[in-house]
């Protein structure tokens, strides 16, 4: 059996726009949301003691192209270009008094 931390880390890989669109529905329980998306990054409550869960995911993509003076396998003296971009996904899930999803929203960006 995997330790809880490892299970949470592997579930965080499920946090995609597609998963949110396909799996998260109004009326779901908090346990169902946690089973689908893992543990939230932030949990808050409003004045009526209803929870709001916030998931944040930041992914860094690195692209590298290298050339080595006609010898593609050697990296000594290699030159090339490196570019880096980041993608963010924020998911906000609001629960009702019975701890069921009452609404959810998400935002994604790339820079």
N, C-alpha and C. Protein backbone atom coordinates (compact mmCIF):
# COMPACT_ATOMS: atom_id res chain seq x y z
N UNK A 1 0.84 -1.18 0.00
CA UNK A 1 0.00 0.00 0.00
C UNK A 1 0.89 1.24 0.00
N UNK A 2 0.63 2.18 -0.90
CA UNK A 2 1.44 3.40 -1.02
C UNK A 2 1.14 4.33 0.14
N UNK A 3 2.17 5.04 0.63
CA UNK A 3 1.92 6.03 1.68
C UNK A 3 0.94 7.09 1.19
N UNK A 4 0.23 7.72 2.14
CA UNK A 4 -0.78 8.72 1.79
C UNK A 4 -0.20 9.85 0.95
N UNK A 5 1.00 10.33 1.31
CA UNK A 5 1.61 11.42 0.55
C UNK A 5 1.78 11.03 -0.92
N UNK A 6 2.29 9.84 -1.18
CA UNK A 6 2.47 9.38 -2.56
C UNK A 6 1.14 9.30 -3.28
N UNK A 7 0.09 8.86 -2.59
CA UNK A 7 -1.23 8.78 -3.21
C UNK A 7 -1.72 10.18 -3.56
N UNK A 8 -1.52 11.16 -2.66
CA UNK A 8 -1.94 12.53 -2.94
C UNK A 8 -1.18 13.12 -4.11
N UNK A 9 0.14 12.85 -4.18
CA UNK A 9 0.94 13.36 -5.28
C UNK A 9 0.47 12.76 -6.60
N UNK A 10 0.20 11.47 -6.63
CA UNK A 10 -0.25 10.86 -7.89
C UNK A 10 -1.63 11.36 -8.27
N UNK A 11 -2.50 11.65 -7.31
CA UNK A 11 -3.82 12.18 -7.64
C UNK A 11 -3.74 13.60 -8.17
N UNK A 12 -2.72 14.36 -7.74
CA UNK A 12 -2.60 15.72 -8.24
C UNK A 12 -2.37 15.73 -9.75
N UNK A 13 -1.88 14.63 -10.31
CA UNK A 13 -1.74 14.50 -11.75
C UNK A 13 -3.08 14.44 -12.46
N UNK A 14 -4.16 14.15 -11.70
CA UNK A 14 -5.51 14.12 -12.26
C UNK A 14 -6.09 15.51 -12.45
N UNK A 15 -5.43 16.53 -11.95
CA UNK A 15 -5.97 17.88 -12.01
C UNK A 15 -5.71 18.47 -13.39
N UNK A 16 -6.68 18.27 -14.27
CA UNK A 16 -6.65 18.83 -15.61
C UNK A 16 -8.01 19.44 -15.91
N UNK A 17 -8.05 20.33 -16.89
CA UNK A 17 -9.33 20.92 -17.29
C UNK A 17 -10.30 19.82 -17.71
N UNK A 18 -9.81 18.84 -18.45
CA UNK A 18 -10.66 17.74 -18.90
C UNK A 18 -11.27 16.96 -17.75
N UNK A 19 -10.47 16.69 -16.72
CA UNK A 19 -10.98 15.96 -15.56
C UNK A 19 -12.05 16.78 -14.85
N UNK A 20 -11.81 18.07 -14.67
CA UNK A 20 -12.80 18.93 -14.01
C UNK A 20 -14.09 18.95 -14.82
N UNK A 21 -13.99 19.16 -16.14
CA UNK A 21 -15.18 19.23 -16.98
C UNK A 21 -15.95 17.92 -16.99
N UNK A 22 -15.25 16.81 -17.02
CA UNK A 22 -15.89 15.51 -17.16
C UNK A 22 -16.38 14.94 -15.83
N UNK A 23 -15.61 15.14 -14.76
CA UNK A 23 -15.88 14.41 -13.52
C UNK A 23 -16.58 15.21 -12.43
N UNK A 24 -16.34 16.51 -12.35
CA UNK A 24 -16.91 17.30 -11.25
C UNK A 24 -18.32 17.74 -11.62
N UNK A 25 -19.26 17.43 -10.75
CA UNK A 25 -20.68 17.74 -10.98
C UNK A 25 -21.28 18.38 -9.74
N UNK A 26 -22.27 19.23 -9.94
CA UNK A 26 -23.01 19.77 -8.81
C UNK A 26 -23.66 18.62 -8.06
N UNK A 27 -23.66 18.70 -6.74
CA UNK A 27 -24.26 17.66 -5.91
C UNK A 27 -23.28 16.59 -5.45
N UNK A 28 -22.05 16.58 -5.99
CA UNK A 28 -21.04 15.60 -5.54
C UNK A 28 -20.66 15.89 -4.10
N UNK A 29 -20.29 14.85 -3.37
CA UNK A 29 -19.80 15.04 -2.00
C UNK A 29 -18.34 15.46 -2.02
N UNK A 30 -17.89 16.00 -0.90
CA UNK A 30 -16.48 16.36 -0.77
C UNK A 30 -15.59 15.14 -0.91
N UNK A 31 -16.04 14.00 -0.40
CA UNK A 31 -15.25 12.77 -0.50
C UNK A 31 -15.08 12.36 -1.96
N UNK A 32 -16.14 12.52 -2.77
CA UNK A 32 -16.04 12.18 -4.20
C UNK A 32 -15.09 13.13 -4.92
N UNK A 33 -15.14 14.41 -4.57
CA UNK A 33 -14.23 15.38 -5.18
C UNK A 33 -12.79 15.04 -4.82
N UNK A 34 -12.54 14.75 -3.54
CA UNK A 34 -11.19 14.41 -3.09
C UNK A 34 -10.69 13.13 -3.76
N UNK A 35 -11.58 12.16 -3.96
CA UNK A 35 -11.18 10.92 -4.62
C UNK A 35 -10.82 11.18 -6.08
N UNK A 36 -11.44 12.17 -6.69
CA UNK A 36 -11.20 12.48 -8.10
C UNK A 36 -9.98 13.38 -8.29
N UNK A 37 -9.86 14.44 -7.47
CA UNK A 37 -8.82 15.45 -7.68
C UNK A 37 -7.70 15.42 -6.65
N UNK A 38 -7.87 14.68 -5.57
CA UNK A 38 -6.88 14.71 -4.50
C UNK A 38 -7.20 15.80 -3.50
N UNK A 39 -6.27 16.07 -2.62
CA UNK A 39 -6.47 17.08 -1.58
C UNK A 39 -6.32 18.48 -2.16
N UNK A 40 -7.17 19.42 -1.73
CA UNK A 40 -7.05 20.80 -2.23
C UNK A 40 -5.84 21.50 -1.62
N UNK A 41 -5.37 22.55 -2.29
CA UNK A 41 -4.26 23.36 -1.76
C UNK A 41 -4.73 24.29 -0.65
N UNK A 42 -5.96 24.80 -0.78
CA UNK A 42 -6.50 25.76 0.18
C UNK A 42 -7.94 25.37 0.49
N UNK A 43 -8.32 25.46 1.77
CA UNK A 43 -9.71 25.26 2.19
C UNK A 43 -10.09 26.46 3.03
N UNK A 44 -11.20 27.12 2.66
CA UNK A 44 -11.71 28.25 3.43
C UNK A 44 -13.18 28.02 3.73
N UNK A 45 -13.72 28.81 4.65
CA UNK A 45 -15.16 28.77 4.93
C UNK A 45 -15.71 30.18 4.84
N UNK A 46 -16.98 30.28 4.44
CA UNK A 46 -17.63 31.59 4.38
C UNK A 46 -18.37 31.85 5.69
N UNK A 47 -19.12 32.95 5.74
CA UNK A 47 -19.83 33.34 6.96
C UNK A 47 -20.87 32.30 7.38
N UNK A 48 -21.34 31.51 6.43
CA UNK A 48 -22.34 30.47 6.72
C UNK A 48 -21.69 29.10 6.96
N UNK A 49 -20.35 29.10 7.12
CA UNK A 49 -19.57 27.88 7.40
C UNK A 49 -19.59 26.87 6.26
N UNK A 50 -19.79 27.35 5.04
CA UNK A 50 -19.71 26.49 3.86
C UNK A 50 -18.27 26.52 3.37
N UNK A 51 -17.74 25.35 3.01
CA UNK A 51 -16.35 25.28 2.57
C UNK A 51 -16.19 25.66 1.11
N UNK A 52 -15.03 26.23 0.81
CA UNK A 52 -14.57 26.45 -0.55
C UNK A 52 -13.20 25.81 -0.66
N UNK A 53 -13.03 24.97 -1.67
CA UNK A 53 -11.75 24.31 -1.92
C UNK A 53 -11.11 24.95 -3.14
N UNK A 54 -9.81 25.20 -3.03
CA UNK A 54 -9.05 25.77 -4.15
C UNK A 54 -7.91 24.82 -4.49
N UNK A 55 -7.84 24.47 -5.76
CA UNK A 55 -6.73 23.66 -6.29
C UNK A 55 -5.91 24.56 -7.20
N UNK A 56 -4.60 24.56 -7.03
CA UNK A 56 -3.69 25.30 -7.91
C UNK A 56 -2.65 24.34 -8.44
N UNK A 57 -2.46 24.37 -9.73
CA UNK A 57 -1.43 23.53 -10.35
C UNK A 57 -0.62 24.41 -11.30
N UNK A 58 0.69 24.36 -11.15
CA UNK A 58 1.60 25.09 -12.04
C UNK A 58 2.53 24.07 -12.67
N UNK A 59 2.60 24.09 -13.98
CA UNK A 59 3.45 23.17 -14.72
C UNK A 59 4.45 23.98 -15.53
N UNK A 60 5.71 23.61 -15.44
CA UNK A 60 6.76 24.26 -16.23
C UNK A 60 7.19 23.31 -17.33
N UNK A 61 7.17 23.81 -18.56
CA UNK A 61 7.61 23.02 -19.71
C UNK A 61 8.90 23.62 -20.24
N UNK A 62 9.91 22.77 -20.40
CA UNK A 62 11.20 23.22 -20.92
C UNK A 62 11.43 22.55 -22.27
N UNK A 63 11.74 23.36 -23.26
CA UNK A 63 12.05 22.85 -24.60
C UNK A 63 13.49 23.24 -24.89
N UNK A 64 14.25 22.26 -25.36
CA UNK A 64 15.66 22.50 -25.61
C UNK A 64 16.01 21.94 -26.98
N UNK A 65 16.74 22.72 -27.76
CA UNK A 65 17.28 22.21 -29.02
C UNK A 65 18.78 22.43 -28.98
N UNK A 66 19.51 21.39 -29.33
CA UNK A 66 20.97 21.47 -29.27
C UNK A 66 21.59 21.03 -30.58
N UNK A 67 22.72 21.62 -30.87
CA UNK A 67 23.51 21.17 -32.01
C UNK A 67 24.96 21.12 -31.55
N UNK A 68 25.71 20.19 -32.09
CA UNK A 68 27.10 19.99 -31.64
C UNK A 68 28.05 19.91 -32.82
N UNK A 69 28.09 20.93 -33.61
CA UNK A 69 29.03 21.04 -34.73
C UNK A 69 29.07 19.78 -35.58
N UNK A 70 27.90 19.28 -35.96
CA UNK A 70 27.82 18.14 -36.86
C UNK A 70 27.86 16.79 -36.19
N UNK A 71 28.09 16.74 -34.90
CA UNK A 71 28.12 15.47 -34.18
C UNK A 71 26.98 15.48 -33.17
N UNK A 72 25.84 14.93 -33.54
CA UNK A 72 24.65 15.07 -32.69
C UNK A 72 24.73 14.40 -31.33
N UNK A 73 25.60 13.41 -31.13
CA UNK A 73 25.62 12.70 -29.86
C UNK A 73 26.56 13.33 -28.83
N UNK A 74 27.47 14.17 -29.25
CA UNK A 74 28.40 14.79 -28.32
C UNK A 74 27.84 16.12 -27.83
N UNK A 75 27.98 16.37 -26.53
CA UNK A 75 27.47 17.63 -26.01
C UNK A 75 28.59 18.61 -25.67
N UNK A 76 29.86 18.17 -25.72
CA UNK A 76 30.97 19.08 -25.47
C UNK A 76 31.01 20.13 -26.57
N UNK A 77 30.98 21.37 -26.20
CA UNK A 77 31.00 22.44 -27.19
C UNK A 77 29.65 22.64 -27.86
N UNK A 78 28.62 22.06 -27.31
CA UNK A 78 27.29 22.17 -27.92
C UNK A 78 26.72 23.56 -27.70
N UNK A 79 25.93 23.97 -28.65
CA UNK A 79 25.18 25.21 -28.49
C UNK A 79 23.73 24.91 -28.81
N UNK A 80 22.86 25.73 -28.32
CA UNK A 80 21.46 25.47 -28.59
C UNK A 80 20.58 26.51 -27.94
N UNK A 81 19.31 26.28 -28.06
CA UNK A 81 18.33 27.21 -27.51
C UNK A 81 17.49 26.49 -26.47
N UNK A 82 17.08 27.25 -25.49
CA UNK A 82 16.25 26.70 -24.43
C UNK A 82 15.09 27.67 -24.22
N UNK A 83 13.88 27.13 -24.19
CA UNK A 83 12.73 27.97 -23.88
C UNK A 83 11.94 27.32 -22.76
N UNK A 84 11.32 28.15 -21.98
CA UNK A 84 10.57 27.68 -20.83
C UNK A 84 9.22 28.38 -20.82
N UNK A 85 8.16 27.62 -20.56
CA UNK A 85 6.83 28.22 -20.43
C UNK A 85 6.13 27.58 -19.24
N UNK A 86 5.19 28.30 -18.70
CA UNK A 86 4.44 27.79 -17.57
C UNK A 86 2.95 27.77 -17.89
N UNK A 87 2.30 26.73 -17.39
CA UNK A 87 0.84 26.62 -17.49
C UNK A 87 0.30 26.60 -16.07
N UNK A 88 -0.78 27.31 -15.85
CA UNK A 88 -1.42 27.29 -14.54
C UNK A 88 -2.86 26.84 -14.69
N UNK A 89 -3.35 26.16 -13.68
CA UNK A 89 -4.75 25.77 -13.60
C UNK A 89 -5.21 26.01 -12.18
N UNK A 90 -6.26 26.81 -12.03
CA UNK A 90 -6.87 27.06 -10.74
C UNK A 90 -8.30 26.56 -10.80
N UNK A 91 -8.68 25.75 -9.82
CA UNK A 91 -10.04 25.21 -9.73
C UNK A 91 -10.60 25.64 -8.38
N UNK A 92 -11.81 26.22 -8.39
CA UNK A 92 -12.48 26.65 -7.17
C UNK A 92 -13.79 25.89 -7.06
N UNK A 93 -13.96 25.18 -5.96
CA UNK A 93 -15.16 24.38 -5.74
C UNK A 93 -15.83 24.86 -4.46
N UNK A 94 -17.10 25.26 -4.57
CA UNK A 94 -17.86 25.75 -3.42
C UNK A 94 -18.89 24.70 -3.02
N UNK A 95 -18.96 24.45 -1.72
CA UNK A 95 -19.87 23.44 -1.19
C UNK A 95 -21.04 24.10 -0.48
N UNK A 96 -22.16 23.38 -0.41
CA UNK A 96 -23.33 23.87 0.32
C UNK A 96 -23.29 23.41 1.77
N UNK A 97 -24.38 23.64 2.49
CA UNK A 97 -24.45 23.29 3.91
C UNK A 97 -24.35 21.79 4.16
N UNK A 98 -24.68 20.97 3.18
CA UNK A 98 -24.59 19.51 3.31
C UNK A 98 -23.27 18.96 2.75
N UNK A 99 -22.32 19.85 2.52
CA UNK A 99 -21.00 19.47 1.97
C UNK A 99 -21.10 18.83 0.60
N UNK A 100 -22.04 19.32 -0.21
CA UNK A 100 -22.19 18.89 -1.60
C UNK A 100 -21.77 20.06 -2.50
N UNK A 101 -21.22 19.75 -3.66
CA UNK A 101 -20.79 20.80 -4.59
C UNK A 101 -22.00 21.63 -5.01
N UNK A 102 -21.92 22.94 -4.77
CA UNK A 102 -23.00 23.81 -5.23
C UNK A 102 -22.61 24.58 -6.48
N UNK A 103 -21.31 24.83 -6.64
CA UNK A 103 -20.81 25.45 -7.88
C UNK A 103 -19.31 25.26 -7.96
N UNK A 104 -18.80 25.34 -9.18
CA UNK A 104 -17.35 25.24 -9.38
C UNK A 104 -16.96 26.04 -10.61
N UNK A 105 -15.71 26.47 -10.61
CA UNK A 105 -15.18 27.24 -11.73
C UNK A 105 -13.70 26.90 -11.88
N UNK A 106 -13.16 27.18 -13.05
CA UNK A 106 -11.74 26.95 -13.28
C UNK A 106 -11.20 28.00 -14.23
N UNK A 107 -9.89 28.20 -14.14
CA UNK A 107 -9.21 29.16 -15.00
C UNK A 107 -7.85 28.57 -15.36
N UNK A 108 -7.50 28.68 -16.62
CA UNK A 108 -6.20 28.19 -17.07
C UNK A 108 -5.49 29.30 -17.84
N UNK A 109 -4.18 29.33 -17.72
CA UNK A 109 -3.38 30.31 -18.46
C UNK A 109 -2.05 29.69 -18.84
N UNK A 110 -1.42 30.32 -19.80
CA UNK A 110 -0.10 29.86 -20.26
C UNK A 110 0.75 31.09 -20.52
N UNK A 111 1.96 31.07 -20.01
CA UNK A 111 2.86 32.20 -20.24
C UNK A 111 4.29 31.74 -20.22
